[in-house]
Amino acid sequence: MMGPRTLVRLGLAAAFAAGLSLPARAERIAIGSSDNPQEIVDLAADGDVVVLRRGEHRGPLRISRRLTVEGEMGAVLVGPGQGSVVTVSAPGAVVRGLTIRGSGTNLEKMDAGVFVEKTAKGALVEENRIEGNLYGIYLHGAEDSVARGNEIIGIQEGRVNEAGNGISVWNAPGAKVLDNDVRFGRDGIYVITSKRNVFSGNRFRDLRFAIHYMYTNDSEITDNVSVDNAVGFALMFSSRLRITGNVSDGDRDHGFLFNYANASQIAGNMVLGRLQAAERWTSAGTRSKDDKEHAVPSSDEVAATEVSGARPGPTKCVFIYNANQNRFRDNWFEGCEIGIHFTAGSERNEMVGNAFIRNRNQVKYVSTRYLDWSKDGRGNFWSDNPAFDLNGDGLGDSAYRPNDLVDKVLWTAPQAKVLMNSPAVQVIRWAQAQFPALLPGGVVDSRPLMAPPARPKIAEGARP
């Protein structure tokens, strides 16, 4: 049954329908689970707040006026299993504080928990729990719209590629996705054909990609955390991105993947793999705080970490494919099979001040070209670099070369591994160490750092 305030509001609506001139005044309209929310929303005026009381309410719901629809604690809006549960078409409309369930499962129709249409410029979707829907939130052309502080739990059954994304953004310039927690489904955030977007402070787990960028320029990806996904951050066919303060923790294949991503700033990010954080393998407290920051674990400690069930780290901390003119500074890449895999003609990328820690292969780069990963007298830190610093300037006295001829032979002919311990191979490696001119191109760090830069800090409470 509708309460007195609802009846008053409906009376005002009837007066307007009769042509009477009454002063406009925003109302707070509370409705119970026995009421039809669509009828109330249709009668509400711009600026009104429609409050769904505790209990289950019937969807779907379309918001075509600039009003707020919010839920009391325990308010649940359930769709019929077809289409989107909430569709927003009004500029400046707000959806807040609801549990939203029951979308359809049609990928082509983009069935979502909350679907924000192109006309809904500046719409806000915040602090909702959106669970079991095909897509969680879809910002479909809604310029300057915001998805903030939502908990999104996607479909957990079936094939990942047949699920929708936690948050999808299509052609929504200026849209922001902030402080959401996304788990299960396909990608945490998928954006395509957009610009000037900000994705910040989000947390992702149990997905294919945490953040997936396609044809989106002049945007920011900052302070996001990806845990246990197939890939952390996949940046493709996009330019002029600012990628700072992000964390990939235990993602399976890649921490960061750059494919035709150009002219971007990548700084202060961290990828943590199987042999990663000191806290993982020193949980017994056998080392001092300073030791935990920089010490390399023994083989026994590594084995203990693997036996204890620590997550496997990425195959590659960073994979760079035909990506040009990017600046990588002060990042931390640790515990991967390959620190950076560099391939397919990527040119004029700057690598300075990064830390490469305990990666099985620090760099994989096959080319006859030379790349010097230092600038203005400063290079990177390499945990396996046995360098000396006799003059105390903080730089190694000799250049660091992460790869040699034997590495390149193994990458092109993996079956050659059977020869690794042969005297001939050892002689080749000794000769190259004595005569660097024998090296046929590749990466060289002419000013390697003797100590790693400050390890980026994960914001407290950032992990999912």
Foldseek 3Di string as FASTA:
>chain_A
DFDPQLVVLVVVLVCVVVVDDDDDDAEEGEDEQVDAVQVSLVSHAAAHEYEYEADEHEDQHEHAHQYEYEYDPNYEYEYQQEAESYEYQAANYEYEHYEFYRWHQDVVRPHEPYEYELNHAQYEYEHYEYEATQEHYEAHNHALYEYEHYEYEYHADDDQVSGHEPYEYEAHENYEYYQYEYEGHEEPYEYEQYEAYEYELYEYEHYAEPYAAYNYEHYEYAQYEYEAYQEYEEHELYEAYEYANYEYEQHEAEPYEYYQYEHYEHAHYEFAFQQGFLCLQCVVVPDDPVCRVQPRDDPVSSVVSVVVPGHGGHQEHYEYAQYEQYEYAHYEAERHCEDYEYDHPHDNYAAFQYEQYHHVQDYHDDDLAADANYDPQTHYAYSPDPFDDVPPPQWGPAKDARDAPVVNVCVVPVVCPVCCPPPVNVVRVVVCVVPVVVGRHDYIHGTYGPDHDDRRDNPPPSHD
